[in-house]
Amino acid sequence: MLTLGVLTLNSCNKDKVPVDCTAAGCTDTISFANQILPMIQNNCVGCHQPGNASGGYSLSTYSEISANADAILNSLYGTSVALMPQGGPALADTLIQQFSCWKCQGKLDN
């Protein structure tokens, strides 16, 4: 039973990318308008826009990006989902870290 309980707990967390804000080095405040939105526009909106929302995700507004932050982060890492951007190289680690920090900092609309 104990093994089953551990497996059940681990399976609940497997689709989440754990982000330790302190360990991730999130010392600078990440700007949605200056850092996150341009990253999404340059790498995601080509497929994830209204009328062409691949995978069911439109990522053209703050509210859409914020609401899907976990899914976006999982796809940037390729955690239990296809690595994004699809067909292209993975984003630079610095960009992924910025997104992780933005999420850790409360997904500010700044």
PDB file of N, CA and C in Angstrom:
ATOM      1  N   MET A   1       0.818  -1.187   0.000  1.00  0.00           N
ATOM      2  CA  MET A   1       0.000   0.000   0.000  1.00  0.00           C
ATOM      3  C   MET A   1       0.864   1.253   0.000  1.00  0.00           C
ATOM      4  N   LEU A   2       1.935   1.222   0.770  1.00  0.00           N
ATOM      5  CA  LEU A   2       2.816   2.395   0.837  1.00  0.00           C
ATOM      6  C   LEU A   2       3.387   2.713  -0.537  1.00  0.00           C
ATOM      7  N   THR A   3       3.803   1.691  -1.272  1.00  0.00           N
ATOM      8  CA  THR A   3       4.331   1.897  -2.621  1.00  0.00           C
ATOM      9  C   THR A   3       3.280   2.513  -3.529  1.00  0.00           C
ATOM     10  N   LEU A   4       2.064   2.028  -3.439  1.00  0.00           N
ATOM     11  CA  LEU A   4       0.983   2.572  -4.245  1.00  0.00           C
ATOM     12  C   LEU A   4       0.751   4.038  -3.913  1.00  0.00           C
ATOM     13  N   GLY A   5       0.808   4.374  -2.635  1.00  0.00           N
ATOM     14  CA  GLY A   5       0.624   5.757  -2.214  1.00  0.00           C
ATOM     15  C   GLY A   5       1.718   6.661  -2.752  1.00  0.00           C
ATOM     16  N   VAL A   6       2.961   6.198  -2.711  1.00  0.00           N
ATOM     17  CA  VAL A   6       4.078   6.976  -3.233  1.00  0.00           C
ATOM     18  C   VAL A   6       3.948   7.154  -4.735  1.00  0.00           C
ATOM     19  N   LEU A   7       3.588   6.082  -5.447  1.00  0.00           N
ATOM     20  CA  LEU A   7       3.405   6.179  -6.893  1.00  0.00           C
ATOM     21  C   LEU A   7       2.276   7.144  -7.239  1.00  0.00           C
ATOM     22  N   THR A   8       1.207   7.100  -6.464  1.00  0.00           N
ATOM     23  CA  THR A   8       0.084   7.999  -6.710  1.00  0.00           C
ATOM     24  C   THR A   8       0.497   9.439  -6.505  1.00  0.00           C
ATOM     25  N   LEU A   9       1.223   9.722  -5.434  1.00  0.00           N
ATOM     26  CA  LEU A   9       1.684  11.092  -5.181  1.00  0.00           C
ATOM     27  C   LEU A   9       2.634  11.561  -6.268  1.00  0.00           C
ATOM     28  N   ASN A  10       3.543  10.705  -6.686  1.00  0.00           N
ATOM     29  CA  ASN A  10       4.488  11.088  -7.724  1.00  0.00           C
ATOM     30  C   ASN A  10       3.796  11.307  -9.056  1.00  0.00           C
ATOM     31  N   SER A  11       2.788  10.521  -9.364  1.00  0.00           N
ATOM     32  CA  SER A  11       2.111  10.678 -10.641  1.00  0.00           C
ATOM     33  C   SER A  11       1.354  12.001 -10.706  1.00  0.00           C
ATOM     34  N   CYS A  12       0.903  12.504  -9.565  1.00  0.00           N
ATOM     35  CA  CYS A  12       0.206  13.792  -9.550  1.00  0.00           C
ATOM     36  C   CYS A  12       1.152  14.935  -9.885  1.00  0.00           C
ATOM     37  N   ASN A  13       2.413  14.776  -9.573  1.00  0.00           N
ATOM     38  CA  ASN A  13       3.382  15.843  -9.772  1.00  0.00           C
ATOM     39  C   ASN A  13       4.165  15.724 -11.071  1.00  0.00           C
ATOM     40  N   LYS A  14       4.055  14.625 -11.778  1.00  0.00           N
ATOM     41  CA  LYS A  14       4.923  14.403 -12.927  1.00  0.00           C
ATOM     42  C   LYS A  14       4.689  15.384 -14.068  1.00  0.00           C
ATOM     43  N   ASP A  15       3.503  15.955 -14.163  1.00  0.00           N
ATOM     44  CA  ASP A  15       3.219  16.880 -15.244  1.00  0.00           C
ATOM     45  C   ASP A  15       3.503  18.328 -14.879  1.00  0.00           C
ATOM     46  N   LYS A  16       3.983  18.563 -13.693  1.00  0.00           N
ATOM     47  CA  LYS A  16       4.310  19.912 -13.257  1.00  0.00           C
ATOM     48  C   LYS A  16       5.827  20.064 -13.246  1.00  0.00           C
ATOM     49  N   VAL A  17       6.299  21.174 -13.746  1.00  0.00           N
ATOM     50  CA  VAL A  17       7.723  21.457 -13.702  1.00  0.00           C
ATOM     51  C   VAL A  17       7.980  22.165 -12.383  1.00  0.00           C
ATOM     52  N   PRO A  18       8.707  21.515 -11.468  1.00  0.00           N
ATOM     53  CA  PRO A  18       8.958  22.174 -10.195  1.00  0.00           C
ATOM     54  C   PRO A  18       9.935  23.334 -10.386  1.00  0.00           C
ATOM     55  N   VAL A  19       9.576  24.471  -9.846  1.00  0.00           N
ATOM     56  CA  VAL A  19      10.438  25.632  -9.950  1.00  0.00           C
ATOM     57  C   VAL A  19      10.640  26.188  -8.559  1.00  0.00           C
ATOM     58  N   ASP A  20      11.865  26.122  -8.082  1.00  0.00           N
ATOM     59  CA  ASP A  20      12.234  26.699  -6.805  1.00  0.00           C
ATOM     60  C   ASP A  20      12.740  28.105  -7.110  1.00  0.00           C
ATOM     61  N   CYS A  21      11.955  29.096  -6.758  1.00  0.00           N
ATOM     62  CA  CYS A  21      12.291  30.475  -7.137  1.00  0.00           C
ATOM     63  C   CYS A  21      13.638  30.916  -6.579  1.00  0.00           C
ATOM     64  N   THR A  22      13.949  30.490  -5.379  1.00  0.00           N
ATOM     65  CA  THR A  22      15.226  30.867  -4.783  1.00  0.00           C
ATOM     66  C   THR A  22      16.372  30.190  -5.517  1.00  0.00           C
ATOM     67  N   ALA A  23      16.263  28.892  -5.754  1.00  0.00           N
ATOM     68  CA  ALA A  23      17.323  28.147  -6.432  1.00  0.00           C
ATOM     69  C   ALA A  23      17.434  28.533  -7.897  1.00  0.00           C
ATOM     70  N   ALA A  24      16.341  28.992  -8.490  1.00  0.00           N
ATOM     71  CA  ALA A  24      16.347  29.347  -9.909  1.00  0.00           C
ATOM     72  C   ALA A  24      17.066  30.666 -10.161  1.00  0.00           C
ATOM     73  N   GLY A  25      17.432  31.378  -9.096  1.00  0.00           N
ATOM     74  CA  GLY A  25      18.146  32.632  -9.258  1.00  0.00           C
ATOM     75  C   GLY A  25      17.255  33.759  -9.726  1.00  0.00           C
ATOM     76  N   CYS A  26      16.034  33.772  -9.281  1.00  0.00           N
ATOM     77  CA  CYS A  26      15.070  34.795  -9.698  1.00  0.00           C
ATOM     78  C   CYS A  26      15.247  36.049  -8.848  1.00  0.00           C
ATOM     79  N   THR A  27      16.305  36.757  -9.086  1.00  0.00           N
ATOM     80  CA  THR A  27      16.584  37.950  -8.291  1.00  0.00           C
ATOM     81  C   THR A  27      16.020  39.214  -8.922  1.00  0.00           C
ATOM     82  N   ASP A  28      15.951  39.272 -10.245  1.00  0.00           N
ATOM     83  CA  ASP A  28      15.415  40.442 -10.932  1.00  0.00           C
ATOM     84  C   ASP A  28      13.944  40.220 -11.258  1.00  0.00           C
ATOM     85  N   THR A  29      13.150  41.273 -11.122  1.00  0.00           N
ATOM     86  CA  THR A  29      11.740  41.188 -11.478  1.00  0.00           C
ATOM     87  C   THR A  29      11.619  41.063 -12.990  1.00  0.00           C
ATOM     88  N   ILE A  30      10.866  40.077 -13.431  1.00  0.00           N
ATOM     89  CA  ILE A  30      10.662  39.837 -14.848  1.00  0.00           C
ATOM     90  C   ILE A  30       9.469  40.662 -15.314  1.00  0.00           C
ATOM     91  N   SER A  31       9.635  41.353 -16.420  1.00  0.00           N
ATOM     92  CA  SER A  31       8.584  42.192 -16.984  1.00  0.00           C
ATOM     93  C   SER A  31       7.790  41.401 -18.015  1.00  0.00           C
ATOM     94  N   PHE A  32       6.472  41.345 -17.809  1.00  0.00           N
ATOM     95  CA  PHE A  32       5.631  40.677 -18.798  1.00  0.00           C
ATOM     96  C   PHE A  32       5.736  41.393 -20.143  1.00  0.00           C
ATOM     97  N   ALA A  33       5.577  42.708 -20.142  1.00  0.00           N
ATOM     98  CA  ALA A  33       5.548  43.482 -21.386  1.00  0.00           C
ATOM     99  C   ALA A  33       6.889  43.474 -22.121  1.00  0.00           C
ATOM    100  N   ASN A  34       7.986  43.486 -21.383  1.00  0.00           N
ATOM    101  CA  ASN A  34       9.306  43.612 -22.016  1.00  0.00           C
ATOM    102  C   ASN A  34      10.022  42.290 -22.246  1.00  0.00           C
ATOM    103  N   GLN A  35       9.664  41.254 -21.506  1.00  0.00           N
ATOM    104  CA  GLN A  35      10.381  39.987 -21.632  1.00  0.00           C
ATOM    105  C   GLN A  35       9.488  38.814 -22.035  1.00  0.00           C
ATOM    106  N   ILE A  36       8.385  38.635 -21.330  1.00  0.00           N
ATOM    107  CA  ILE A  36       7.532  37.459 -21.567  1.00  0.00           C
ATOM    108  C   ILE A  36       6.733  37.599 -22.856  1.00  0.00           C
ATOM    109  N   LEU A  37       6.025  38.704 -23.021  1.00  0.00           N
ATOM    110  CA  LEU A  37       5.200  38.880 -24.221  1.00  0.00           C
ATOM    111  C   LEU A  37       6.028  38.804 -25.507  1.00  0.00           C
ATOM    112  N   PRO A  38       7.177  39.487 -25.595  1.00  0.00           N
ATOM    113  CA  PRO A  38       7.977  39.341 -26.827  1.00  0.00           C
ATOM    114  C   PRO A  38       8.437  37.904 -27.077  1.00  0.00           C
ATOM    115  N   MET A  39       8.784  37.176 -26.011  1.00  0.00           N
ATOM    116  CA  MET A  39       9.197  35.778 -26.168  1.00  0.00           C
ATOM    117  C   MET A  39       8.045  34.952 -26.745  1.00  0.00           C
ATOM    118  N   ILE A  40       6.841  35.143 -26.215  1.00  0.00           N
ATOM    119  CA  ILE A  40       5.672  34.405 -26.690  1.00  0.00           C
ATOM    120  C   ILE A  40       5.339  34.819 -28.124  1.00  0.00           C
ATOM    121  N   GLN A  41       5.377  36.104 -28.411  1.00  0.00           N
ATOM    122  CA  GLN A  41       5.071  36.586 -29.758  1.00  0.00           C
ATOM    123  C   GLN A  41       6.066  36.053 -30.789  1.00  0.00           C
ATOM    124  N   ASN A  42       7.325  35.998 -30.432  1.00  0.00           N
ATOM    125  CA  ASN A  42       8.363  35.546 -31.369  1.00  0.00           C
ATOM    126  C   ASN A  42       8.401  34.035 -31.558  1.00  0.00           C
ATOM    127  N   ASN A  43       7.922  33.277 -30.572  1.00  0.00           N
ATOM    128  CA  ASN A  43       8.109  31.830 -30.620  1.00  0.00           C
ATOM    129  C   ASN A  43       6.836  30.993 -30.559  1.00  0.00           C
ATOM    130  N   CYS A  44       5.703  31.592 -30.194  1.00  0.00           N
ATOM    131  CA  CYS A  44       4.512  30.793 -29.943  1.00  0.00           C
ATOM    132  C   CYS A  44       3.276  31.227 -30.735  1.00  0.00           C
ATOM    133  N   VAL A  45       3.108  32.525 -30.910  1.00  0.00           N
ATOM    134  CA  VAL A  45       1.867  33.049 -31.476  1.00  0.00           C
ATOM    135  C   VAL A  45       1.665  32.643 -32.933  1.00  0.00           C
ATOM    136  N   GLY A  46       2.711  32.261 -33.626  1.00  0.00           N
ATOM    137  CA  GLY A  46       2.534  31.794 -34.996  1.00  0.00           C
ATOM    138  C   GLY A  46       1.556  30.640 -35.079  1.00  0.00           C
ATOM    139  N   CYS A  47       1.548  29.787 -34.071  1.00  0.00           N
ATOM    140  CA  CYS A  47       0.621  28.651 -34.030  1.00  0.00           C
ATOM    141  C   CYS A  47      -0.493  28.848 -33.010  1.00  0.00           C
ATOM    142  N   HIS A  48      -0.200  29.544 -31.925  1.00  0.00           N
ATOM    143  CA  HIS A  48      -1.155  29.684 -30.821  1.00  0.00           C
ATOM    144  C   HIS A  48      -1.780  31.072 -30.820  1.00  0.00           C
ATOM    145  N   GLN A  49      -2.689  31.286 -31.769  1.00  0.00           N
ATOM    146  CA  GLN A  49      -3.403  32.557 -31.882  1.00  0.00           C
ATOM    147  C   GLN A  49      -4.876  32.274 -32.130  1.00  0.00           C
ATOM    148  N   PRO A  50      -5.730  33.260 -31.884  1.00  0.00           N
ATOM    149  CA  PRO A  50      -7.159  33.037 -32.147  1.00  0.00           C
ATOM    150  C   PRO A  50      -7.373  32.591 -33.594  1.00  0.00           C
ATOM    151  N   GLY A  51      -8.182  31.588 -33.768  1.00  0.00           N
ATOM    152  CA  GLY A  51      -8.461  31.060 -35.093  1.00  0.00           C
ATOM    153  C   GLY A  51      -7.471  30.000 -35.542  1.00  0.00           C
ATOM    154  N   ASN A  52      -6.364  29.872 -34.852  1.00  0.00           N
ATOM    155  CA  ASN A  52      -5.359  28.855 -35.164  1.00  0.00           C
ATOM    156  C   ASN A  52      -4.707  28.411 -33.868  1.00  0.00           C
ATOM    157  N   ALA A  53      -5.510  28.122 -32.887  1.00  0.00           N
ATOM    158  CA  ALA A  53      -5.005  27.790 -31.559  1.00  0.00           C
ATOM    159  C   ALA A  53      -4.584  26.328 -31.495  1.00  0.00           C
ATOM    160  N   SER A  54      -3.388  26.046 -31.959  1.00  0.00           N
ATOM    161  CA  SER A  54      -2.863  24.680 -31.921  1.00  0.00           C
ATOM    162  C   SER A  54      -2.899  24.141 -30.497  1.00  0.00           C
ATOM    163  N   GLY A  55      -3.315  22.908 -30.377  1.00  0.00           N
ATOM    164  CA  GLY A  55      -3.384  22.282 -29.066  1.00  0.00           C
ATOM    165  C   GLY A  55      -4.427  22.900 -28.163  1.00  0.00           C
ATOM    166  N   GLY A  56      -5.275  23.754 -28.710  1.00  0.00           N
ATOM    167  CA  GLY A  56      -6.314  24.372 -27.904  1.00  0.00           C
ATOM    168  C   GLY A  56      -5.875  25.602 -27.145  1.00  0.00           C
ATOM    169  N   TYR A  57      -4.664  26.067 -27.388  1.00  0.00           N
ATOM    170  CA  TYR A  57      -4.143  27.215 -26.661  1.00  0.00           C
ATOM    171  C   TYR A  57      -3.974  28.419 -27.576  1.00  0.00           C
ATOM    172  N   SER A  58      -4.647  29.496 -27.243  1.00  0.00           N
ATOM    173  CA  SER A  58      -4.369  30.784 -27.855  1.00  0.00           C
ATOM    174  C   SER A  58      -3.519  31.535 -26.841  1.00  0.00           C
ATOM    175  N   LEU A  59      -2.421  32.096 -27.280  1.00  0.00           N
ATOM    176  CA  LEU A  59      -1.491  32.777 -26.370  1.00  0.00           C
ATOM    177  C   LEU A  59      -1.248  34.213 -26.819  1.00  0.00           C
ATOM    178  N   SER A  60      -2.314  34.920 -27.115  1.00  0.00           N
ATOM    179  CA  SER A  60      -2.143  36.275 -27.632  1.00  0.00           C
ATOM    180  C   SER A  60      -2.381  37.367 -26.597  1.00  0.00           C
ATOM    181  N   THR A  61      -2.903  37.006 -25.419  1.00  0.00           N
ATOM    182  CA  THR A  61      -3.168  38.006 -24.394  1.00  0.00           C
ATOM    183  C   THR A  61      -2.522  37.610 -23.068  1.00  0.00           C
ATOM    184  N   TYR A  62      -2.393  38.594 -22.192  1.00  0.00           N
ATOM    185  CA  TYR A  62      -1.860  38.310 -20.858  1.00  0.00           C
ATOM    186  C   TYR A  62      -2.682  37.226 -20.165  1.00  0.00           C
ATOM    187  N   SER A  63      -4.001  37.350 -20.193  1.00  0.00           N
ATOM    188  CA  SER A  63      -4.837  36.393 -19.471  1.00  0.00           C
ATOM    189  C   SER A  63      -4.669  34.972 -20.003  1.00  0.00           C
ATOM    190  N   GLU A  64      -4.513  34.820 -21.316  1.00  0.00           N
ATOM    191  CA  GLU A  64      -4.316  33.486 -21.899  1.00  0.00           C
ATOM    192  C   GLU A  64      -2.943  32.926 -21.519  1.00  0.00           C
ATOM    193  N   ILE A  65      -1.942  33.751 -21.564  1.00  0.00           N
ATOM    194  CA  ILE A  65      -0.588  33.306 -21.217  1.00  0.00           C
ATOM    195  C   ILE A  65      -0.522  32.956 -19.738  1.00  0.00           C
ATOM    196  N   SER A  66      -1.073  33.806 -18.899  1.00  0.00           N
ATOM    197  CA  SER A  66      -1.066  33.573 -17.457  1.00  0.00           C
ATOM    198  C   SER A  66      -1.827  32.306 -17.088  1.00  0.00           C
ATOM    199  N   ALA A  67      -3.000  32.122 -17.678  1.00  0.00           N
ATOM    200  CA  ALA A  67      -3.824  30.950 -17.377  1.00  0.00           C
ATOM    201  C   ALA A  67      -3.166  29.647 -17.820  1.00  0.00           C
ATOM    202  N   ASN A  68      -2.317  29.708 -18.826  1.00  0.00           N
ATOM    203  CA  ASN A  68      -1.671  28.511 -19.369  1.00  0.00           C
ATOM    204  C   ASN A  68      -0.195  28.421 -19.016  1.00  0.00           C
ATOM    205  N   ALA A  69       0.237  29.155 -18.004  1.00  0.00           N
ATOM    206  CA  ALA A  69       1.658  29.211 -17.657  1.00  0.00           C
ATOM    207  C   ALA A  69       2.249  27.832 -17.368  1.00  0.00           C
ATOM    208  N   ASP A  70       1.523  26.976 -16.654  1.00  0.00           N
ATOM    209  CA  ASP A  70       2.038  25.626 -16.362  1.00  0.00           C
ATOM    210  C   ASP A  70       2.235  24.833 -17.645  1.00  0.00           C
ATOM    211  N   ALA A  71       1.241  24.869 -18.517  1.00  0.00           N
ATOM    212  CA  ALA A  71       1.333  24.130 -19.781  1.00  0.00           C
ATOM    213  C   ALA A  71       2.459  24.679 -20.653  1.00  0.00           C
ATOM    214  N   ILE A  72       2.607  25.997 -20.672  1.00  0.00           N
ATOM    215  CA  ILE A  72       3.688  26.604 -21.459  1.00  0.00           C
ATOM    216  C   ILE A  72       5.033  26.150 -20.926  1.00  0.00           C
ATOM    217  N   LEU A  73       5.209  26.210 -19.625  1.00  0.00           N
ATOM    218  CA  LEU A  73       6.486  25.817 -19.029  1.00  0.00           C
ATOM    219  C   LEU A  73       6.770  24.339 -19.283  1.00  0.00           C
ATOM    220  N   ASN A  74       5.753  23.496 -19.151  1.00  0.00           N
ATOM    221  CA  ASN A  74       5.936  22.072 -19.444  1.00  0.00           C
ATOM    222  C   ASN A  74       6.371  21.863 -20.888  1.00  0.00           C
ATOM    223  N   SER A  75       5.783  22.603 -21.811  1.00  0.00           N
ATOM    224  CA  SER A  75       6.140  22.427 -23.220  1.00  0.00           C
ATOM    225  C   SER A  75       7.522  22.991 -23.534  1.00  0.00           C
ATOM    226  N   LEU A  76       7.934  24.028 -22.820  1.00  0.00           N
ATOM    227  CA  LEU A  76       9.285  24.568 -23.039  1.00  0.00           C
ATOM    228  C   LEU A  76      10.355  23.579 -22.586  1.00  0.00           C
ATOM    229  N   TYR A  77      10.024  22.802 -21.550  1.00  0.00           N
ATOM    230  CA  TYR A  77      10.940  21.769 -21.065  1.00  0.00           C
ATOM    231  C   TYR A  77      10.697  20.422 -21.742  1.00  0.00           C
ATOM    232  N   GLY A  78       9.571  20.263 -22.416  1.00  0.00           N
ATOM    233  CA  GLY A  78       9.233  18.981 -23.013  1.00  0.00           C
ATOM    234  C   GLY A  78       8.855  17.963 -21.957  1.00  0.00           C
ATOM    235  N   THR A  79       8.231  18.416 -20.867  1.00  0.00           N
ATOM    236  CA  THR A  79       7.858  17.564 -19.749  1.00  0.00           C
ATOM    237  C   THR A  79       6.487  16.954 -19.995  1.00  0.00           C
ATOM    238  N   SER A  80       6.446  15.680 -20.331  1.00  0.00           N
ATOM    239  CA  SER A  80       5.207  14.924 -20.565  1.00  0.00           C
ATOM    240  C   SER A  80       4.377  15.464 -21.723  1.00  0.00           C
ATOM    241  N   VAL A  81       4.922  16.377 -22.500  1.00  0.00           N
ATOM    242  CA  VAL A  81       4.260  16.928 -23.686  1.00  0.00           C
ATOM    243  C   VAL A  81       5.336  17.165 -24.742  1.00  0.00           C
ATOM    244  N   ALA A  82       4.912  17.469 -25.949  1.00  0.00           N
ATOM    245  CA  ALA A  82       5.868  17.741 -27.016  1.00  0.00           C
ATOM    246  C   ALA A  82       6.654  19.009 -26.706  1.00  0.00           C
ATOM    247  N   LEU A  83       7.932  18.962 -26.996  1.00  0.00           N
ATOM    248  CA  LEU A  83       8.789  20.126 -26.818  1.00  0.00           C
ATOM    249  C   LEU A  83       8.362  21.213 -27.783  1.00  0.00           C
ATOM    250  N   MET A  84       8.243  22.425 -27.289  1.00  0.00           N
ATOM    251  CA  MET A  84       7.877  23.568 -28.117  1.00  0.00           C
ATOM    252  C   MET A  84       9.022  24.578 -28.116  1.00  0.00           C
ATOM    253  N   PRO A  85       9.148  25.359 -29.122  1.00  0.00           N
ATOM    254  CA  PRO A  85       8.296  25.439 -30.288  1.00  0.00           C
ATOM    255  C   PRO A  85       8.436  24.208 -31.180  1.00  0.00           C
ATOM    256  N   GLN A  86       7.307  23.779 -31.723  1.00  0.00           N
ATOM    257  CA  GLN A  86       7.253  22.566 -32.524  1.00  0.00           C
ATOM    258  C   GLN A  86       8.091  22.716 -33.783  1.00  0.00           C
ATOM    259  N   GLY A  87       8.918  21.725 -34.040  1.00  0.00           N
ATOM    260  CA  GLY A  87       9.726  21.698 -35.244  1.00  0.00           C
ATOM    261  C   GLY A  87      10.940  22.602 -35.206  1.00  0.00           C
ATOM    262  N   GLY A  88      11.067  23.385 -34.169  1.00  0.00           N
ATOM    263  CA  GLY A  88      12.207  24.292 -34.074  1.00  0.00           C
ATOM    264  C   GLY A  88      13.116  23.884 -32.945  1.00  0.00           C
ATOM    265  N   PRO A  89      14.221  24.558 -32.823  1.00  0.00           N
ATOM    266  CA  PRO A  89      15.094  24.253 -31.687  1.00  0.00           C
ATOM    267  C   PRO A  89      14.433  24.715 -30.393  1.00  0.00           C
ATOM    268  N   ALA A  90      14.813  24.092 -29.301  1.00  0.00           N
ATOM    269  CA  ALA A  90      14.321  24.514 -27.993  1.00  0.00           C
ATOM    270  C   ALA A  90      14.757  25.952 -27.742  1.00  0.00           C
ATOM    271  N   LEU A  91      13.977  26.656 -26.960  1.00  0.00           N
ATOM    272  CA  LEU A  91      14.356  28.026 -26.617  1.00  0.00           C
ATOM    273  C   LEU A  91      15.607  28.014 -25.754  1.00  0.00           C
ATOM    274  N   ALA A  92      16.310  29.107 -25.779  1.00  0.00           N
ATOM    275  CA  ALA A  92      17.509  29.246 -24.950  1.00  0.00           C
ATOM    276  C   ALA A  92      17.139  29.101 -23.480  1.00  0.00           C
ATOM    277  N   ASP A  93      18.038  28.503 -22.721  1.00  0.00           N
ATOM    278  CA  ASP A  93      17.800  28.311 -21.292  1.00  0.00           C
ATOM    279  C   ASP A  93      17.484  29.623 -20.586  1.00  0.00           C
ATOM    280  N   THR A  94      18.103  30.714 -21.010  1.00  0.00           N
ATOM    281  CA  THR A  94      17.848  32.009 -20.370  1.00  0.00           C
ATOM    282  C   THR A  94      16.401  32.441 -20.554  1.00  0.00           C
ATOM    283  N   LEU A  95      15.825  32.181 -21.718  1.00  0.00           N
ATOM    284  CA  LEU A  95      14.417  32.526 -21.950  1.00  0.00           C
ATOM    285  C   LEU A  95      13.489  31.659 -21.117  1.00  0.00           C
ATOM    286  N   ILE A  96      13.800  30.374 -21.032  1.00  0.00           N
ATOM    287  CA  ILE A  96      12.983  29.463 -20.226  1.00  0.00           C
ATOM    288  C   ILE A  96      13.073  29.869 -18.758  1.00  0.00           C
ATOM    289  N   GLN A  97      14.261  30.246 -18.317  1.00  0.00           N
ATOM    290  CA  GLN A  97      14.432  30.679 -16.927  1.00  0.00           C
ATOM    291  C   GLN A  97      13.629  31.950 -16.660  1.00  0.00           C
ATOM    292  N   GLN A  98      13.622  32.883 -17.613  1.00  0.00           N
ATOM    293  CA  GLN A  98      12.831  34.097 -17.434  1.00  0.00           C
ATOM    294  C   GLN A  98      11.351  33.754 -17.249  1.00  0.00           C
ATOM    295  N   PHE A  99      10.861  32.831 -18.072  1.00  0.00           N
ATOM    296  CA  PHE A  99       9.460  32.433 -17.948  1.00  0.00           C
ATOM    297  C   PHE A  99       9.217  31.774 -16.594  1.00  0.00           C
ATOM    298  N   SER A 100      10.134  30.915 -16.162  1.00  0.00           N
ATOM    299  CA  SER A 100      10.009  30.256 -14.853  1.00  0.00           C
ATOM    300  C   SER A 100       9.971  31.285 -13.735  1.00  0.00           C
ATOM    301  N   CYS A 101      10.862  32.261 -13.813  1.00  0.00           N
ATOM    302  CA  CYS A 101      10.905  33.297 -12.778  1.00  0.00           C
ATOM    303  C   CYS A 101       9.637  34.141 -12.795  1.00  0.00           C
ATOM    304  N   TRP A 102       9.156  34.485 -13.985  1.00  0.00           N
ATOM    305  CA  TRP A 102       7.913  35.255 -14.086  1.00  0.00           C
ATOM    306  C   TRP A 102       6.780  34.505 -13.393  1.00  0.00           C
ATOM    307  N   LYS A 103       6.710  33.204 -13.626  1.00  0.00           N
ATOM    308  CA  LYS A 103       5.681  32.373 -12.989  1.00  0.00           C
ATOM    309  C   LYS A 103       5.865  32.381 -11.478  1.00  0.00           C
ATOM    310  N   CYS A 104       7.103  32.204 -11.016  1.00  0.00           N
ATOM    311  CA  CYS A 104       7.397  32.202  -9.583  1.00  0.00           C
ATOM    312  C   CYS A 104       7.045  33.531  -8.918  1.00  0.00           C
ATOM    313  N   GLN A 105       7.225  34.595  -9.664  1.00  0.00           N
ATOM    314  CA  GLN A 105       6.990  35.932  -9.116  1.00  0.00           C
ATOM    315  C   GLN A 105       5.513  36.315  -9.127  1.00  0.00           C
ATOM    316  N   GLY A 106       4.664  35.393  -9.489  1.00  0.00           N
ATOM    317  CA  GLY A 106       3.236  35.631  -9.417  1.00  0.00           C
ATOM    318  C   GLY A 106       2.588  36.021 -10.729  1.00  0.00           C
ATOM    319  N   LYS A 107       3.310  35.815 -11.843  1.00  0.00           N
ATOM    320  CA  LYS A 107       2.773  36.100 -13.187  1.00  0.00           C
ATOM    321  C   LYS A 107       2.246  37.536 -13.284  1.00  0.00           C
ATOM    322  N   LEU A 108       3.102  38.466 -12.873  1.00  0.00           N
ATOM    323  CA  LEU A 108       2.715  39.878 -12.853  1.00  0.00           C
ATOM    324  C   LEU A 108       2.420  40.400 -14.257  1.00  0.00           C
ATOM    325  N   ASP A 109       1.416  41.240 -14.351  1.00  0.00           N
ATOM    326  CA  ASP A 109       1.073  41.918 -15.615  1.00  0.00           C
ATOM    327  C   ASP A 109       1.739  43.295 -15.562  1.00  0.00           C
ATOM    328  N   ASN A 110       3.049  43.270 -15.722  1.00  0.00           N
ATOM    329  CA  ASN A 110       3.831  44.499 -15.589  1.00  0.00           C
ATOM    330  C   ASN A 110       4.557  44.849 -16.858  1.00  0.00           C
TER     331      ASN A 110
END
